[in-house]
PDB file of N, CA and C in Angstrom:
ATOM      1  N   MET A   1       0.854  -1.171   0.000  1.00  0.00           N
ATOM      2  CA  MET A   1       0.000   0.000   0.000  1.00  0.00           C
ATOM      3  C   MET A   1       0.897   1.230   0.000  1.00  0.00           C
ATOM      4  N   ARG A   2       0.686   2.090  -0.959  1.00  0.00           N
ATOM      5  CA  ARG A   2       1.469   3.312  -1.082  1.00  0.00           C
ATOM      6  C   ARG A   2       0.513   4.509  -1.177  1.00  0.00           C
ATOM      7  N   ILE A   3       0.928   5.621  -0.605  1.00  0.00           N
ATOM      8  CA  ILE A   3       0.159   6.854  -0.722  1.00  0.00           C
ATOM      9  C   ILE A   3       0.406   7.425  -2.115  1.00  0.00           C
ATOM     10  N   SER A   4      -0.668   7.665  -2.860  1.00  0.00           N
ATOM     11  CA  SER A   4      -0.509   8.240  -4.191  1.00  0.00           C
ATOM     12  C   SER A   4      -0.623   9.764  -4.169  1.00  0.00           C
ATOM     13  N   ARG A   5      -1.431  10.302  -3.228  1.00  0.00           N
ATOM     14  CA  ARG A   5      -1.486  11.758  -3.077  1.00  0.00           C
ATOM     15  C   ARG A   5      -2.237  12.092  -1.795  1.00  0.00           C
ATOM     16  N   ILE A   6      -2.025  13.318  -1.348  1.00  0.00           N
ATOM     17  CA  ILE A   6      -2.703  13.849  -0.172  1.00  0.00           C
ATOM     18  C   ILE A   6      -3.314  15.179  -0.579  1.00  0.00           C
ATOM     19  N   LYS A   7      -4.596  15.327  -0.287  1.00  0.00           N
ATOM     20  CA  LYS A   7      -5.318  16.531  -0.720  1.00  0.00           C
ATOM     21  C   LYS A   7      -5.961  17.209   0.485  1.00  0.00           C
ATOM     22  N   LYS A   8      -5.725  18.512   0.620  1.00  0.00           N
ATOM     23  CA  LYS A   8      -6.373  19.291   1.674  1.00  0.00           C
ATOM     24  C   LYS A   8      -7.858  19.407   1.337  1.00  0.00           C
ATOM     25  N   VAL A   9      -8.701  19.218   2.353  1.00  0.00           N
ATOM     26  CA  VAL A   9     -10.142  19.307   2.162  1.00  0.00           C
ATOM     27  C   VAL A   9     -10.600  20.688   2.605  1.00  0.00           C
ATOM     28  N   ASP A  10     -11.193  21.435   1.688  1.00  0.00           N
ATOM     29  CA  ASP A  10     -11.725  22.749   2.013  1.00  0.00           C
ATOM     30  C   ASP A  10     -13.198  22.610   2.385  1.00  0.00           C
ATOM     31  N   GLY A  11     -13.595  23.287   3.448  1.00  0.00           N
ATOM     32  CA  GLY A  11     -15.002  23.299   3.829  1.00  0.00           C
ATOM     33  C   GLY A  11     -15.498  22.021   4.465  1.00  0.00           C
ATOM     34  N   CYS A  12     -14.628  21.267   5.123  1.00  0.00           N
ATOM     35  CA  CYS A  12     -15.060  20.051   5.812  1.00  0.00           C
ATOM     36  C   CYS A  12     -15.902  20.454   7.020  1.00  0.00           C
ATOM     37  N   LEU A  13     -17.091  19.913   7.146  1.00  0.00           N
ATOM     38  CA  LEU A  13     -17.996  20.278   8.231  1.00  0.00           C
ATOM     39  C   LEU A  13     -17.526  19.751   9.583  1.00  0.00           C
ATOM     40  N   GLU A  14     -16.693  18.720   9.570  1.00  0.00           N
ATOM     41  CA  GLU A  14     -16.260  18.094  10.818  1.00  0.00           C
ATOM     42  C   GLU A  14     -15.056  18.774  11.462  1.00  0.00           C
ATOM     43  N   GLY A  15     -14.353  19.576  10.723  1.00  0.00           N
ATOM     44  CA  GLY A  15     -13.185  20.245  11.279  1.00  0.00           C
ATOM     45  C   GLY A  15     -12.604  21.226  10.286  1.00  0.00           C
ATOM     46  N   SER A  16     -11.863  22.171  10.808  1.00  0.00           N
ATOM     47  CA  SER A  16     -11.303  23.196   9.929  1.00  0.00           C
ATOM     48  C   SER A  16     -10.060  22.711   9.204  1.00  0.00           C
ATOM     49  N   SER A  17      -9.493  21.619   9.669  1.00  0.00           N
ATOM     50  CA  SER A  17      -8.272  21.116   9.063  1.00  0.00           C
ATOM     51  C   SER A  17      -8.423  19.625   8.766  1.00  0.00           C
ATOM     52  N   ALA A  18      -8.625  19.292   7.510  1.00  0.00           N
ATOM     53  CA  ALA A  18      -8.826  17.903   7.114  1.00  0.00           C
ATOM     54  C   ALA A  18      -8.072  17.616   5.819  1.00  0.00           C
ATOM     55  N   LYS A  19      -7.644  16.358   5.684  1.00  0.00           N
ATOM     56  CA  LYS A  19      -6.960  15.927   4.468  1.00  0.00           C
ATOM     57  C   LYS A  19      -7.501  14.568   4.037  1.00  0.00           C
ATOM     58  N   ASP A  20      -7.624  14.397   2.727  1.00  0.00           N
ATOM     59  CA  ASP A  20      -7.936  13.094   2.154  1.00  0.00           C
ATOM     60  C   ASP A  20      -6.622  12.464   1.718  1.00  0.00           C
ATOM     61  N   ILE A  21      -6.441  11.210   2.074  1.00  0.00           N
ATOM     62  CA  ILE A  21      -5.239  10.470   1.720  1.00  0.00           C
ATOM     63  C   ILE A  21      -5.648   9.387   0.727  1.00  0.00           C
ATOM     64  N   PHE A  22      -5.023   9.402  -0.450  1.00  0.00           N
ATOM     65  CA  PHE A  22      -5.344   8.468  -1.523  1.00  0.00           C
ATOM     66  C   PHE A  22      -4.239   7.420  -1.638  1.00  0.00           C
ATOM     67  N   PHE A  23      -4.653   6.181  -1.918  1.00  0.00           N
ATOM     68  CA  PHE A  23      -3.717   5.062  -2.010  1.00  0.00           C
ATOM     69  C   PHE A  23      -3.719   4.447  -3.409  1.00  0.00           C
ATOM     70  N   ASP A  24      -2.675   3.677  -3.690  1.00  0.00           N
ATOM     71  CA  ASP A  24      -2.556   3.030  -4.997  1.00  0.00           C
ATOM     72  C   ASP A  24      -3.441   1.793  -5.115  1.00  0.00           C
ATOM     73  N   ILE A  25      -3.854   1.224  -3.987  1.00  0.00           N
ATOM     74  CA  ILE A  25      -4.750   0.062  -3.984  1.00  0.00           C
ATOM     75  C   ILE A  25      -5.855   0.282  -2.955  1.00  0.00           C
ATOM     76  N   GLU A  26      -6.855  -0.581  -2.986  1.00  0.00           N
ATOM     77  CA  GLU A  26      -7.977  -0.456  -2.065  1.00  0.00           C
ATOM     78  C   GLU A  26      -7.573  -0.808  -0.640  1.00  0.00           C
ATOM     79  N   ILE A  27      -8.189  -0.139   0.299  1.00  0.00           N
ATOM     80  CA  ILE A  27      -7.993  -0.420   1.719  1.00  0.00           C
ATOM     81  C   ILE A  27      -8.640  -1.763   2.035  1.00  0.00           C
ATOM     82  N   ASP A  28      -7.917  -2.617   2.767  1.00  0.00           N
ATOM     83  CA  ASP A  28      -8.500  -3.885   3.212  1.00  0.00           C
ATOM     84  C   ASP A  28      -8.553  -3.893   4.739  1.00  0.00           C
ATOM     85  N   LYS A  29      -9.162  -4.933   5.304  1.00  0.00           N
ATOM     86  CA  LYS A  29      -9.324  -4.992   6.757  1.00  0.00           C
ATOM     87  C   LYS A  29      -7.979  -5.050   7.471  1.00  0.00           C
ATOM     88  N   ALA A  30      -7.005  -5.746   6.909  1.00  0.00           N
ATOM     89  CA  ALA A  30      -5.688  -5.829   7.550  1.00  0.00           C
ATOM     90  C   ALA A  30      -5.068  -4.442   7.699  1.00  0.00           C
ATOM     91  N   PHE A  31      -5.224  -3.606   6.688  1.00  0.00           N
ATOM     92  CA  PHE A  31      -4.687  -2.253   6.757  1.00  0.00           C
ATOM     93  C   PHE A  31      -5.467  -1.427   7.773  1.00  0.00           C
ATOM     94  N   ALA A  32      -6.786  -1.549   7.787  1.00  0.00           N
ATOM     95  CA  ALA A  32      -7.598  -0.833   8.775  1.00  0.00           C
ATOM     96  C   ALA A  32      -7.190  -1.253  10.190  1.00  0.00           C
ATOM     97  N   ASP A  33      -6.974  -2.554  10.401  1.00  0.00           N
ATOM     98  CA  ASP A  33      -6.526  -3.045  11.703  1.00  0.00           C
ATOM     99  C   ASP A  33      -5.167  -2.460  12.068  1.00  0.00           C
ATOM    100  N   HIS A  34      -4.281  -2.360  11.099  1.00  0.00           N
ATOM    101  CA  HIS A  34      -2.957  -1.775  11.323  1.00  0.00           C
ATOM    102  C   HIS A  34      -3.091  -0.318  11.779  1.00  0.00           C
ATOM    103  N   LEU A  35      -3.919   0.457  11.102  1.00  0.00           N
ATOM    104  CA  LEU A  35      -4.152   1.841  11.504  1.00  0.00           C
ATOM    105  C   LEU A  35      -4.810   1.904  12.879  1.00  0.00           C
ATOM    106  N   GLY A  36      -5.631   0.908  13.175  1.00  0.00           N
ATOM    107  CA  GLY A  36      -6.334   0.863  14.454  1.00  0.00           C
ATOM    108  C   GLY A  36      -5.419   0.846  15.662  1.00  0.00           C
ATOM    109  N   SER A  37      -4.181   0.427  15.465  1.00  0.00           N
ATOM    110  CA  SER A  37      -3.234   0.398  16.582  1.00  0.00           C
ATOM    111  C   SER A  37      -2.806   1.803  17.019  1.00  0.00           C
ATOM    112  N   LEU A  38      -3.177   2.821  16.251  1.00  0.00           N
ATOM    113  CA  LEU A  38      -2.807   4.205  16.574  1.00  0.00           C
ATOM    114  C   LEU A  38      -3.636   4.796  17.709  1.00  0.00           C
ATOM    115  N   GLY A  39      -4.840   4.287  17.931  1.00  0.00           N
ATOM    116  CA  GLY A  39      -5.719   4.878  18.944  1.00  0.00           C
ATOM    117  C   GLY A  39      -6.959   4.044  19.151  1.00  0.00           C
ATOM    118  N   LYS A  40      -8.044   4.690  19.551  1.00  0.00           N
ATOM    119  CA  LYS A  40      -9.316   3.987  19.726  1.00  0.00           C
ATOM    120  C   LYS A  40      -9.809   3.567  18.346  1.00  0.00           C
ATOM    121  N   TYR A  41     -10.052   2.271  18.187  1.00  0.00           N
ATOM    122  CA  TYR A  41     -10.388   1.702  16.876  1.00  0.00           C
ATOM    123  C   TYR A  41     -11.829   1.226  16.873  1.00  0.00           C
ATOM    124  N   ILE A  42     -12.596   1.740  15.934  1.00  0.00           N
ATOM    125  CA  ILE A  42     -13.990   1.327  15.755  1.00  0.00           C
ATOM    126  C   ILE A  42     -14.093   0.724  14.360  1.00  0.00           C
ATOM    127  N   TYR A  43     -14.591  -0.510  14.283  1.00  0.00           N
ATOM    128  CA  TYR A  43     -14.759  -1.184  12.992  1.00  0.00           C
ATOM    129  C   TYR A  43     -16.192  -1.701  12.928  1.00  0.00           C
ATOM    130  N   ASN A  44     -16.904  -1.322  11.877  1.00  0.00           N
ATOM    131  CA  ASN A  44     -18.300  -1.723  11.725  1.00  0.00           C
ATOM    132  C   ASN A  44     -18.468  -2.403  10.377  1.00  0.00           C
ATOM    133  N   ASP A  45     -18.724  -3.707  10.409  1.00  0.00           N
ATOM    134  CA  ASP A  45     -18.877  -4.459   9.156  1.00  0.00           C
ATOM    135  C   ASP A  45     -20.337  -4.805   8.859  1.00  0.00           C
ATOM    136  N   SER A  46     -21.274  -4.038   9.447  1.00  0.00           N
ATOM    137  CA  SER A  46     -22.690  -4.311   9.195  1.00  0.00           C
ATOM    138  C   SER A  46     -23.211  -3.634   7.922  1.00  0.00           C
ATOM    139  N   PHE A  47     -22.353  -2.885   7.241  1.00  0.00           N
ATOM    140  CA  PHE A  47     -22.717  -2.231   5.977  1.00  0.00           C
ATOM    141  C   PHE A  47     -22.109  -2.991   4.801  1.00  0.00           C
ATOM    142  N   ASP A  48     -22.546  -2.673   3.570  1.00  0.00           N
ATOM    143  CA  ASP A  48     -21.970  -3.297   2.382  1.00  0.00           C
ATOM    144  C   ASP A  48     -20.465  -3.052   2.321  1.00  0.00           C
ATOM    145  N   LYS A  49     -20.061  -1.838   2.661  1.00  0.00           N
ATOM    146  CA  LYS A  49     -18.639  -1.488   2.750  1.00  0.00           C
ATOM    147  C   LYS A  49     -18.323  -1.269   4.219  1.00  0.00           C
ATOM    148  N   PRO A  50     -17.561  -2.170   4.834  1.00  0.00           N
ATOM    149  CA  PRO A  50     -17.220  -1.979   6.247  1.00  0.00           C
ATOM    150  C   PRO A  50     -16.546  -0.634   6.480  1.00  0.00           C
ATOM    151  N   PHE A  51     -16.896   0.001   7.580  1.00  0.00           N
ATOM    152  CA  PHE A  51     -16.447   1.340   7.933  1.00  0.00           C
ATOM    153  C   PHE A  51     -15.517   1.264   9.134  1.00  0.00           C
ATOM    154  N   PHE A  52     -14.469   2.091   9.125  1.00  0.00           N
ATOM    155  CA  PHE A  52     -13.597   2.145  10.292  1.00  0.00           C
ATOM    156  C   PHE A  52     -13.342   3.590  10.690  1.00  0.00           C
ATOM    157  N   LYS A  53     -13.019   3.742  11.969  1.00  0.00           N
ATOM    158  CA  LYS A  53     -12.710   5.059  12.520  1.00  0.00           C
ATOM    159  C   LYS A  53     -11.628   4.858  13.574  1.00  0.00           C
ATOM    160  N   ILE A  54     -10.614   5.703  13.537  1.00  0.00           N
ATOM    161  CA  ILE A  54      -9.554   5.680  14.535  1.00  0.00           C
ATOM    162  C   ILE A  54      -9.520   7.066  15.167  1.00  0.00           C
ATOM    163  N   ILE A  55      -9.625   7.093  16.491  1.00  0.00           N
ATOM    164  CA  ILE A  55      -9.632   8.360  17.209  1.00  0.00           C
ATOM    165  C   ILE A  55      -8.388   8.440  18.084  1.00  0.00           C
ATOM    166  N   VAL A  56      -7.605   9.490  17.866  1.00  0.00           N
ATOM    167  CA  VAL A  56      -6.463   9.790  18.721  1.00  0.00           C
ATOM    168  C   VAL A  56      -6.817  11.125  19.372  1.00  0.00           C
ATOM    169  N   ARG A  57      -7.387  11.036  20.569  1.00  0.00           N
ATOM    170  CA  ARG A  57      -7.981  12.183  21.258  1.00  0.00           C
ATOM    171  C   ARG A  57      -7.000  13.352  21.350  1.00  0.00           C
ATOM    172  N   GLY A  58      -7.497  14.510  20.938  1.00  0.00           N
ATOM    173  CA  GLY A  58      -6.711  15.730  20.995  1.00  0.00           C
ATOM    174  C   GLY A  58      -5.795  15.942  19.799  1.00  0.00           C
ATOM    175  N   TYR A  59      -5.726  14.947  18.882  1.00  0.00           N
ATOM    176  CA  TYR A  59      -4.830  15.062  17.735  1.00  0.00           C
ATOM    177  C   TYR A  59      -5.560  14.921  16.400  1.00  0.00           C
ATOM    178  N   TYR A  60      -6.194  13.763  16.171  1.00  0.00           N
ATOM    179  CA  TYR A  60      -6.849  13.550  14.880  1.00  0.00           C
ATOM    180  C   TYR A  60      -7.827  12.388  14.939  1.00  0.00           C
ATOM    181  N   THR A  61      -8.660  12.313  13.907  1.00  0.00           N
ATOM    182  CA  THR A  61      -9.571  11.201  13.675  1.00  0.00           C
ATOM    183  C   THR A  61      -9.378  10.766  12.226  1.00  0.00           C
ATOM    184  N   ILE A  62      -9.307   9.459  12.017  1.00  0.00           N
ATOM    185  CA  ILE A  62      -9.217   8.898  10.665  1.00  0.00           C
ATOM    186  C   ILE A  62     -10.516   8.159  10.392  1.00  0.00           C
ATOM    187  N   LYS A  63     -11.090   8.376   9.206  1.00  0.00           N
ATOM    188  CA  LYS A  63     -12.312   7.685   8.805  1.00  0.00           C
ATOM    189  C   LYS A  63     -12.117   7.096   7.418  1.00  0.00           C
ATOM    190  N   GLY A  64     -12.635   5.905   7.211  1.00  0.00           N
ATOM    191  CA  GLY A  64     -12.554   5.305   5.895  1.00  0.00           C
ATOM    192  C   GLY A  64     -13.425   4.070   5.792  1.00  0.00           C
ATOM    193  N   SER A  65     -13.432   3.479   4.608  1.00  0.00           N
ATOM    194  CA  SER A  65     -14.190   2.263   4.348  1.00  0.00           C
ATOM    195  C   SER A  65     -13.308   1.260   3.626  1.00  0.00           C
ATOM    196  N   VAL A  66     -13.462   0.003   3.998  1.00  0.00           N
ATOM    197  CA  VAL A  66     -12.769  -1.073   3.306  1.00  0.00           C
ATOM    198  C   VAL A  66     -13.286  -1.106   1.877  1.00  0.00           C
ATOM    199  N   GLY A  67     -12.379  -1.227   0.921  1.00  0.00           N
ATOM    200  CA  GLY A  67     -12.756  -1.249  -0.486  1.00  0.00           C
ATOM    201  C   GLY A  67     -12.551   0.093  -1.173  1.00  0.00           C
ATOM    202  N   ASN A  68     -12.376   1.163  -0.400  1.00  0.00           N
ATOM    203  CA  ASN A  68     -12.090   2.477  -0.983  1.00  0.00           C
ATOM    204  C   ASN A  68     -10.585   2.651  -1.151  1.00  0.00           C
ATOM    205  N   ARG A  69     -10.217   3.624  -1.954  1.00  0.00           N
ATOM    206  CA  ARG A  69      -8.799   3.949  -2.149  1.00  0.00           C
ATOM    207  C   ARG A  69      -8.401   5.230  -1.433  1.00  0.00           C
ATOM    208  N   SER A  70      -9.252   5.710  -0.553  1.00  0.00           N
ATOM    209  CA  SER A  70      -8.934   6.927   0.194  1.00  0.00           C
ATOM    210  C   SER A  70      -9.533   6.852   1.585  1.00  0.00           C
ATOM    211  N   MET A  71      -9.002   7.715   2.456  1.00  0.00           N
ATOM    212  CA  MET A  71      -9.551   7.882   3.794  1.00  0.00           C
ATOM    213  C   MET A  71      -9.410   9.348   4.159  1.00  0.00           C
ATOM    214  N   ARG A  72     -10.171   9.784   5.139  1.00  0.00           N
ATOM    215  CA  ARG A  72     -10.132  11.182   5.554  1.00  0.00           C
ATOM    216  C   ARG A  72      -9.509  11.268   6.943  1.00  0.00           C
ATOM    217  N   MET A  73      -8.674  12.297   7.110  1.00  0.00           N
ATOM    218  CA  MET A  73      -8.036  12.563   8.378  1.00  0.00           C
ATOM    219  C   MET A  73      -8.437  13.961   8.815  1.00  0.00           C
ATOM    220  N   ILE A  74      -9.034  14.077  10.003  1.00  0.00           N
ATOM    221  CA  ILE A  74      -9.509  15.349  10.526  1.00  0.00           C
ATOM    222  C   ILE A  74      -8.642  15.694  11.738  1.00  0.00           C
ATOM    223  N   PHE A  75      -7.994  16.831  11.674  1.00  0.00           N
ATOM    224  CA  PHE A  75      -7.038  17.241  12.701  1.00  0.00           C
ATOM    225  C   PHE A  75      -7.681  18.151  13.727  1.00  0.00           C
ATOM    226  N   ALA A  76      -7.243  17.997  14.978  1.00  0.00           N
ATOM    227  CA  ALA A  76      -7.754  18.822  16.055  1.00  0.00           C
ATOM    228  C   ALA A  76      -6.825  19.977  16.391  1.00  0.00           C
ATOM    229  N   GLU A  77      -5.598  19.945  15.901  1.00  0.00           N
ATOM    230  CA  GLU A  77      -4.641  21.007  16.216  1.00  0.00           C
ATOM    231  C   GLU A  77      -3.830  21.383  14.983  1.00  0.00           C
ATOM    232  N   SER A  78      -2.877  22.289  15.170  1.00  0.00           N
ATOM    233  CA  SER A  78      -2.180  22.858  14.018  1.00  0.00           C
ATOM    234  C   SER A  78      -0.848  22.191  13.672  1.00  0.00           C
ATOM    235  N   ALA A  79      -0.412  21.179  14.397  1.00  0.00           N
ATOM    236  CA  ALA A  79       0.880  20.526  14.119  1.00  0.00           C
ATOM    237  C   ALA A  79       0.716  19.469  13.022  1.00  0.00           C
ATOM    238  N   LEU A  80       0.151  19.872  11.892  1.00  0.00           N
ATOM    239  CA  LEU A  80      -0.196  18.936  10.829  1.00  0.00           C
ATOM    240  C   LEU A  80       1.012  18.204  10.251  1.00  0.00           C
ATOM    241  N   ASP A  81       2.086  18.911   9.985  1.00  0.00           N
ATOM    242  CA  ASP A  81       3.238  18.291   9.333  1.00  0.00           C
ATOM    243  C   ASP A  81       3.818  17.164  10.181  1.00  0.00           C
ATOM    244  N   GLU A  82       3.975  17.407  11.473  1.00  0.00           N
ATOM    245  CA  GLU A  82       4.529  16.388  12.367  1.00  0.00           C
ATOM    246  C   GLU A  82       3.610  15.170  12.441  1.00  0.00           C
ATOM    247  N   ILE A  83       2.308  15.410  12.571  1.00  0.00           N
ATOM    248  CA  ILE A  83       1.338  14.316  12.642  1.00  0.00           C
ATOM    249  C   ILE A  83       1.323  13.548  11.324  1.00  0.00           C
ATOM    250  N   MET A  84       1.342  14.262  10.193  1.00  0.00           N
ATOM    251  CA  MET A  84       1.339  13.594   8.892  1.00  0.00           C
ATOM    252  C   MET A  84       2.596  12.745   8.713  1.00  0.00           C
ATOM    253  N   ASP A  85       3.745  13.238   9.146  1.00  0.00           N
ATOM    254  CA  ASP A  85       4.986  12.461   9.046  1.00  0.00           C
ATOM    255  C   ASP A  85       4.873  11.158   9.830  1.00  0.00           C
ATOM    256  N   GLU A  86       4.297  11.225  11.042  1.00  0.00           N
ATOM    257  CA  GLU A  86       4.114  10.021  11.857  1.00  0.00           C
ATOM    258  C   GLU A  86       3.159   9.043  11.179  1.00  0.00           C
ATOM    259  N   LEU A  87       2.074   9.551  10.610  1.00  0.00           N
ATOM    260  CA  LEU A  87       1.104   8.686   9.946  1.00  0.00           C
ATOM    261  C   LEU A  87       1.718   8.037   8.706  1.00  0.00           C
ATOM    262  N   ILE A  88       2.450   8.809   7.910  1.00  0.00           N
ATOM    263  CA  ILE A  88       3.093   8.258   6.706  1.00  0.00           C
ATOM    264  C   ILE A  88       4.064   7.146   7.090  1.00  0.00           C
ATOM    265  N   LYS A  89       4.819   7.336   8.156  1.00  0.00           N
ATOM    266  CA  LYS A  89       5.732   6.303   8.630  1.00  0.00           C
ATOM    267  C   LYS A  89       4.968   5.050   9.047  1.00  0.00           C
ATOM    268  N   HIS A  90       3.841   5.232   9.740  1.00  0.00           N
ATOM    269  CA  HIS A  90       3.028   4.095  10.168  1.00  0.00           C
ATOM    270  C   HIS A  90       2.466   3.335   8.973  1.00  0.00           C
ATOM    271  N   ILE A  91       2.040   4.059   7.943  1.00  0.00           N
ATOM    272  CA  ILE A  91       1.549   3.413   6.720  1.00  0.00           C
ATOM    273  C   ILE A  91       2.671   2.645   6.038  1.00  0.00           C
ATOM    274  N   GLU A  92       3.850   3.254   5.957  1.00  0.00           N
ATOM    275  CA  GLU A  92       4.997   2.578   5.324  1.00  0.00           C
ATOM    276  C   GLU A  92       5.403   1.332   6.111  1.00  0.00           C
ATOM    277  N   ASP A  93       5.250   1.351   7.439  1.00  0.00           N
ATOM    278  CA  ASP A  93       5.563   0.175   8.259  1.00  0.00           C
ATOM    279  C   ASP A  93       4.662  -1.010   7.893  1.00  0.00           C
ATOM    280  N   PHE A  94       3.433  -0.723   7.444  1.00  0.00           N
ATOM    281  CA  PHE A  94       2.521  -1.801   7.033  1.00  0.00           C
ATOM    282  C   PHE A  94       3.067  -2.558   5.821  1.00  0.00           C
ATOM    283  N   ASN A  95       3.773  -1.860   4.986  1.00  0.00           N
ATOM    284  CA  ASN A  95       4.313  -2.477   3.762  1.00  0.00           C
ATOM    285  C   ASN A  95       5.527  -3.355   4.027  1.00  0.00           C
ATOM    286  N   ASN A  96       6.142  -3.213   5.192  1.00  0.00           N
ATOM    287  CA  ASN A  96       7.387  -3.950   5.483  1.00  0.00           C
ATOM    288  C   ASN A  96       7.174  -5.161   6.328  1.00  0.00           C
TER     289      ASN A  96
END
């Protein structure tokens, strides 16, 4: 799984600072579980596309669905670059 691009989301109703992260392949449950180790992990497979949410209180929330090629990250503070660097490293660790 590789990040293909990161796009700032303008006008996100959930927060003033949000980014969509796009991947080269679809998100699967193993990857969602890997991200889940970052914080409080909620996984709901009662829908056609299972939904996941990871909450790291005071820092960010990640939302996505298995089968999609993107997920949304909503930030609670302004240290975006540092948080993004940590997340990118965590994603790269999944590939190794």
